[in-house]
N, C-alpha and C. Protein backbone atom coordinates (compact mmCIF):
# COMPACT_ATOMS: atom_id res chain seq x y z
N UNK A 1 74.38 -76.96 -60.09
CA UNK A 1 74.15 -77.35 -59.05
C UNK A 1 72.61 -77.80 -58.79
N UNK A 2 71.90 -76.41 -59.19
CA UNK A 2 70.69 -76.42 -58.71
C UNK A 2 70.57 -77.57 -59.97
N UNK A 3 70.58 -78.02 -60.62
CA UNK A 3 69.88 -79.07 -61.52
C UNK A 3 69.58 -80.39 -61.68
N UNK A 4 71.67 -80.50 -60.34
CA UNK A 4 71.21 -82.46 -59.36
C UNK A 4 70.55 -81.70 -58.02
N UNK A 5 70.66 -80.96 -57.27
CA UNK A 5 69.98 -80.19 -56.22
C UNK A 5 68.13 -81.63 -56.92
N UNK A 6 67.54 -80.65 -57.88
CA UNK A 6 66.23 -80.97 -58.55
C UNK A 6 66.30 -82.36 -59.19
N UNK A 7 67.29 -82.84 -59.64
CA UNK A 7 67.19 -84.16 -60.08
C UNK A 7 67.12 -85.15 -58.30
N UNK A 8 67.38 -85.01 -57.49
CA UNK A 8 68.62 -85.58 -56.91
C UNK A 8 66.61 -85.57 -56.06
N UNK A 9 66.30 -84.19 -56.14
CA UNK A 9 64.91 -84.40 -54.88
C UNK A 9 63.03 -85.20 -56.04
N UNK A 10 63.49 -85.30 -57.48
CA UNK A 10 62.78 -85.95 -58.15
C UNK A 10 63.00 -87.65 -58.24
N UNK A 11 64.21 -87.87 -58.09
CA UNK A 11 64.85 -88.97 -58.19
C UNK A 11 64.71 -90.15 -56.76
N UNK A 12 64.57 -89.32 -55.65
CA UNK A 12 63.47 -90.00 -53.99
C UNK A 12 62.58 -90.02 -54.43
N UNK A 13 62.39 -88.50 -54.55
CA UNK A 13 60.12 -89.28 -54.66
C UNK A 13 60.02 -89.80 -55.37
N UNK A 14 60.87 -90.28 -57.05
CA UNK A 14 60.60 -91.41 -58.42
C UNK A 14 60.52 -92.96 -56.75
N UNK A 15 61.94 -92.94 -56.20
CA UNK A 15 61.89 -94.48 -56.00
C UNK A 15 61.03 -94.37 -54.14
N UNK A 16 60.40 -93.65 -53.58
CA UNK A 16 60.19 -93.67 -52.61
C UNK A 16 59.00 -93.84 -52.55
N UNK A 17 58.26 -93.32 -53.10
CA UNK A 17 56.76 -93.99 -53.69
C UNK A 17 56.70 -95.08 -54.43
N UNK A 18 57.62 -95.58 -54.97
CA UNK A 18 57.88 -97.01 -55.69
C UNK A 18 57.85 -98.33 -54.94
N UNK A 19 58.13 -97.84 -54.15
CA UNK A 19 59.35 -98.36 -52.62
C UNK A 19 56.98 -99.00 -52.77
N UNK A 20 57.13 -97.71 -51.31
CA UNK A 20 55.23 -97.80 -50.17
C UNK A 20 55.10 -99.19 -51.44
N UNK A 21 54.04 -98.66 -52.47
CA UNK A 21 53.31 -98.76 -52.69
C UNK A 21 53.82 -100.55 -52.93
N UNK A 22 54.95 -100.78 -53.41
CA UNK A 22 55.20 -102.59 -53.97
C UNK A 22 55.40 -102.98 -52.25
N UNK A 23 54.87 -102.70 -50.66
CA UNK A 23 54.76 -103.06 -50.27
C UNK A 23 53.84 -103.67 -49.53
N UNK A 24 52.71 -102.58 -49.26
CA UNK A 24 51.83 -101.92 -49.76
C UNK A 24 51.10 -103.53 -49.94
N UNK A 25 51.34 -103.67 -51.28
CA UNK A 25 49.93 -104.48 -53.04
C UNK A 25 50.65 -106.18 -51.92
N UNK A 26 52.74 -105.67 -51.90
CA UNK A 26 52.34 -107.55 -50.79
C UNK A 26 52.00 -107.84 -49.35
N UNK A 27 51.91 -106.38 -48.76
CA UNK A 27 51.17 -106.95 -47.81
C UNK A 27 49.36 -107.33 -46.90
N UNK A 28 48.73 -106.86 -48.90
CA UNK A 28 47.29 -107.03 -48.72
C UNK A 28 47.44 -107.84 -49.59
N UNK A 29 48.00 -108.74 -50.05
CA UNK A 29 48.27 -109.81 -51.08
C UNK A 29 48.29 -111.43 -49.63
N UNK A 30 49.17 -110.84 -48.71
CA UNK A 30 49.21 -111.51 -47.44
C UNK A 30 48.62 -112.41 -46.33
N UNK A 31 48.24 -110.75 -46.00
CA UNK A 31 47.33 -110.79 -44.84
C UNK A 31 46.10 -111.07 -44.89
N UNK A 32 45.26 -110.96 -46.46
CA UNK A 32 43.25 -111.02 -46.19
C UNK A 32 42.97 -112.36 -46.80
N UNK A 33 42.43 -111.89 -45.47
CA UNK A 33 41.33 -112.70 -45.48
C UNK A 33 40.10 -113.09 -45.90
N UNK A 34 39.71 -114.43 -46.06
CA UNK A 34 37.66 -114.00 -46.69
C UNK A 34 36.91 -113.97 -45.89
N UNK A 35 36.24 -113.70 -45.29
CA UNK A 35 35.07 -114.08 -44.75
C UNK A 35 33.89 -114.08 -45.80
N UNK A 36 33.06 -115.06 -45.15
CA UNK A 36 31.47 -115.07 -45.67
C UNK A 36 30.41 -114.17 -45.07
N UNK A 37 29.11 -113.92 -46.12
CA UNK A 37 28.76 -112.50 -45.71
C UNK A 37 27.85 -112.94 -45.62
N UNK A 38 26.59 -113.34 -45.26
CA UNK A 38 25.36 -113.72 -45.26
C UNK A 38 24.24 -112.11 -45.48
N UNK A 39 24.19 -111.19 -47.05
CA UNK A 39 22.85 -110.79 -47.17
C UNK A 39 21.94 -111.26 -46.99
N UNK A 40 21.25 -110.28 -45.82
CA UNK A 40 18.73 -110.83 -46.27
C UNK A 40 18.50 -110.46 -47.19
N UNK A 41 17.80 -111.55 -47.54
CA UNK A 41 16.56 -110.79 -49.23
C UNK A 41 15.60 -110.04 -48.45
N UNK A 42 15.34 -108.91 -49.66
CA UNK A 42 14.67 -107.43 -49.61
C UNK A 42 13.33 -107.82 -50.16
N UNK A 43 12.95 -107.93 -48.75
CA UNK A 43 10.84 -107.96 -48.75
C UNK A 43 10.05 -106.85 -49.51
N UNK A 44 9.70 -106.13 -50.49
CA UNK A 44 9.14 -104.49 -49.82
C UNK A 44 7.37 -104.43 -49.31
N UNK A 45 7.43 -105.98 -49.71
CA UNK A 45 6.07 -105.91 -48.04
C UNK A 45 6.46 -105.66 -46.52
N UNK A 46 7.76 -105.97 -46.18
CA UNK A 46 8.23 -106.00 -45.66
C UNK A 46 8.52 -104.68 -45.23
N UNK A 47 8.86 -104.38 -45.75
CA UNK A 47 10.09 -102.20 -46.12
C UNK A 47 8.86 -101.64 -45.84
N UNK A 48 7.36 -101.54 -46.76
CA UNK A 48 6.35 -101.07 -46.48
C UNK A 48 6.50 -100.69 -44.49
N UNK A 49 5.84 -101.98 -44.10
CA UNK A 49 5.13 -101.99 -43.21
C UNK A 49 5.81 -101.07 -42.27
N UNK A 50 7.34 -100.88 -42.26
CA UNK A 50 7.29 -100.61 -40.73
C UNK A 50 8.00 -99.02 -42.04
N UNK A 51 7.21 -99.02 -42.70
CA UNK A 51 7.59 -97.51 -42.92
C UNK A 51 6.22 -97.43 -42.35
N UNK A 52 5.24 -97.63 -42.78
CA UNK A 52 3.75 -97.31 -42.30
C UNK A 52 3.91 -97.72 -40.50
N UNK A 53 4.77 -97.94 -39.73
CA UNK A 53 4.04 -97.46 -39.12
C UNK A 53 5.53 -97.05 -38.00
N UNK A 54 6.21 -96.06 -38.76
CA UNK A 54 6.84 -95.27 -38.46
C UNK A 54 5.64 -94.47 -38.23
N UNK A 55 5.46 -94.21 -39.66
CA UNK A 55 4.36 -92.93 -40.04
C UNK A 55 3.46 -92.78 -38.91
N UNK A 56 2.79 -94.05 -38.66
CA UNK A 56 1.45 -93.57 -37.92
C UNK A 56 1.40 -93.53 -36.74
N UNK A 57 3.15 -92.72 -36.03
CA UNK A 57 3.05 -92.37 -34.93
C UNK A 57 2.65 -91.09 -34.81
N UNK A 58 2.35 -90.47 -35.59
CA UNK A 58 2.14 -88.68 -35.76
C UNK A 58 3.84 -87.87 -36.40
N UNK A 59 3.44 -86.87 -36.74
CA UNK A 59 4.88 -86.36 -36.18
C UNK A 59 5.83 -86.10 -34.84
N UNK A 60 6.30 -86.23 -35.08
CA UNK A 60 7.76 -86.72 -34.12
C UNK A 60 8.33 -85.68 -34.26
N UNK A 61 8.16 -84.11 -32.86
CA UNK A 61 8.47 -83.74 -33.25
C UNK A 61 9.53 -83.66 -31.58
N UNK A 62 10.75 -83.39 -31.47
CA UNK A 62 11.12 -84.26 -30.12
C UNK A 62 11.05 -83.30 -28.95
N UNK A 63 11.04 -85.10 -28.05
CA UNK A 63 10.40 -84.11 -26.88
C UNK A 63 8.97 -84.42 -26.84
N UNK A 64 7.70 -84.84 -28.03
CA UNK A 64 6.04 -85.11 -27.19
C UNK A 64 6.58 -87.23 -27.39
N UNK A 65 5.18 -87.55 -26.87
CA UNK A 65 4.64 -88.75 -26.70
C UNK A 65 4.82 -89.66 -27.58
N UNK A 66 4.87 -88.70 -29.42
CA UNK A 66 4.92 -89.42 -29.69
C UNK A 66 6.36 -89.93 -30.83
N UNK A 67 7.13 -88.64 -30.30
CA UNK A 67 8.28 -89.06 -29.96
C UNK A 67 8.98 -90.32 -29.54
N UNK A 68 9.30 -89.81 -28.34
CA UNK A 68 9.15 -91.44 -27.41
C UNK A 68 8.89 -92.68 -27.69
N UNK A 69 7.33 -92.92 -28.57
CA UNK A 69 7.16 -93.95 -28.57
C UNK A 69 7.41 -94.88 -30.21
N UNK A 70 8.16 -93.79 -30.80
CA UNK A 70 8.03 -94.46 -31.84
C UNK A 70 9.91 -94.70 -31.85
N UNK A 71 10.50 -94.11 -30.75
CA UNK A 71 11.84 -93.92 -30.52
C UNK A 71 12.07 -95.94 -29.70
N UNK A 72 10.96 -95.80 -29.17
CA UNK A 72 11.23 -97.47 -27.77
C UNK A 72 10.88 -98.42 -29.46
N UNK A 73 10.15 -98.11 -29.93
CA UNK A 73 9.48 -98.83 -31.20
C UNK A 73 10.91 -99.44 -31.95
N UNK A 74 11.09 -98.14 -32.37
CA UNK A 74 12.78 -98.13 -33.34
C UNK A 74 13.54 -99.40 -32.41
N UNK A 75 13.52 -98.74 -31.37
CA UNK A 75 15.00 -99.87 -30.42
C UNK A 75 14.50 -101.06 -30.10
N UNK A 76 12.78 -101.31 -29.75
CA UNK A 76 13.01 -102.51 -29.85
C UNK A 76 13.11 -103.84 -31.52
N UNK A 77 12.12 -102.51 -32.28
CA UNK A 77 13.29 -103.96 -33.92
C UNK A 77 13.82 -103.67 -33.95
N UNK A 78 15.48 -103.07 -33.76
CA UNK A 78 16.46 -103.21 -33.88
C UNK A 78 17.35 -103.61 -33.07
N UNK A 79 17.08 -104.05 -31.74
CA UNK A 79 16.75 -105.43 -30.84
C UNK A 79 16.97 -107.11 -30.99
N UNK A 80 15.06 -106.78 -32.27
CA UNK A 80 15.38 -107.99 -32.49
C UNK A 80 16.09 -108.12 -32.89
N UNK A 81 17.16 -107.38 -34.47
CA UNK A 81 18.72 -107.67 -35.18
C UNK A 81 19.68 -108.03 -34.29
N UNK A 82 19.50 -107.49 -33.49
CA UNK A 82 20.94 -107.78 -33.78
C UNK A 82 21.05 -108.68 -31.94
N UNK A 83 22.43 -108.59 -31.49
CA UNK A 83 22.95 -109.71 -30.85
C UNK A 83 22.72 -108.21 -28.95
N UNK A 84 23.14 -107.34 -30.22
CA UNK A 84 24.75 -105.59 -28.74
C UNK A 84 23.38 -104.75 -28.94
């Protein structure tokens, strides 16, 4: 009796796992949409400039003037790269 119970459980798990994987593959293949993504080129000089500007504010201890100025500068720079 216990052998048939174990066999049934193994058979159930085998069938249920195999079926869901197959459905996921078909779903992924049928609904895949390719979107073009433009990746900007990396400019080492520009990256160094941004790091240099951030460091120029000095120690950015929270609630200090340097902290506020750095935050405003970062928000301004990031805002120029995004629409929202």
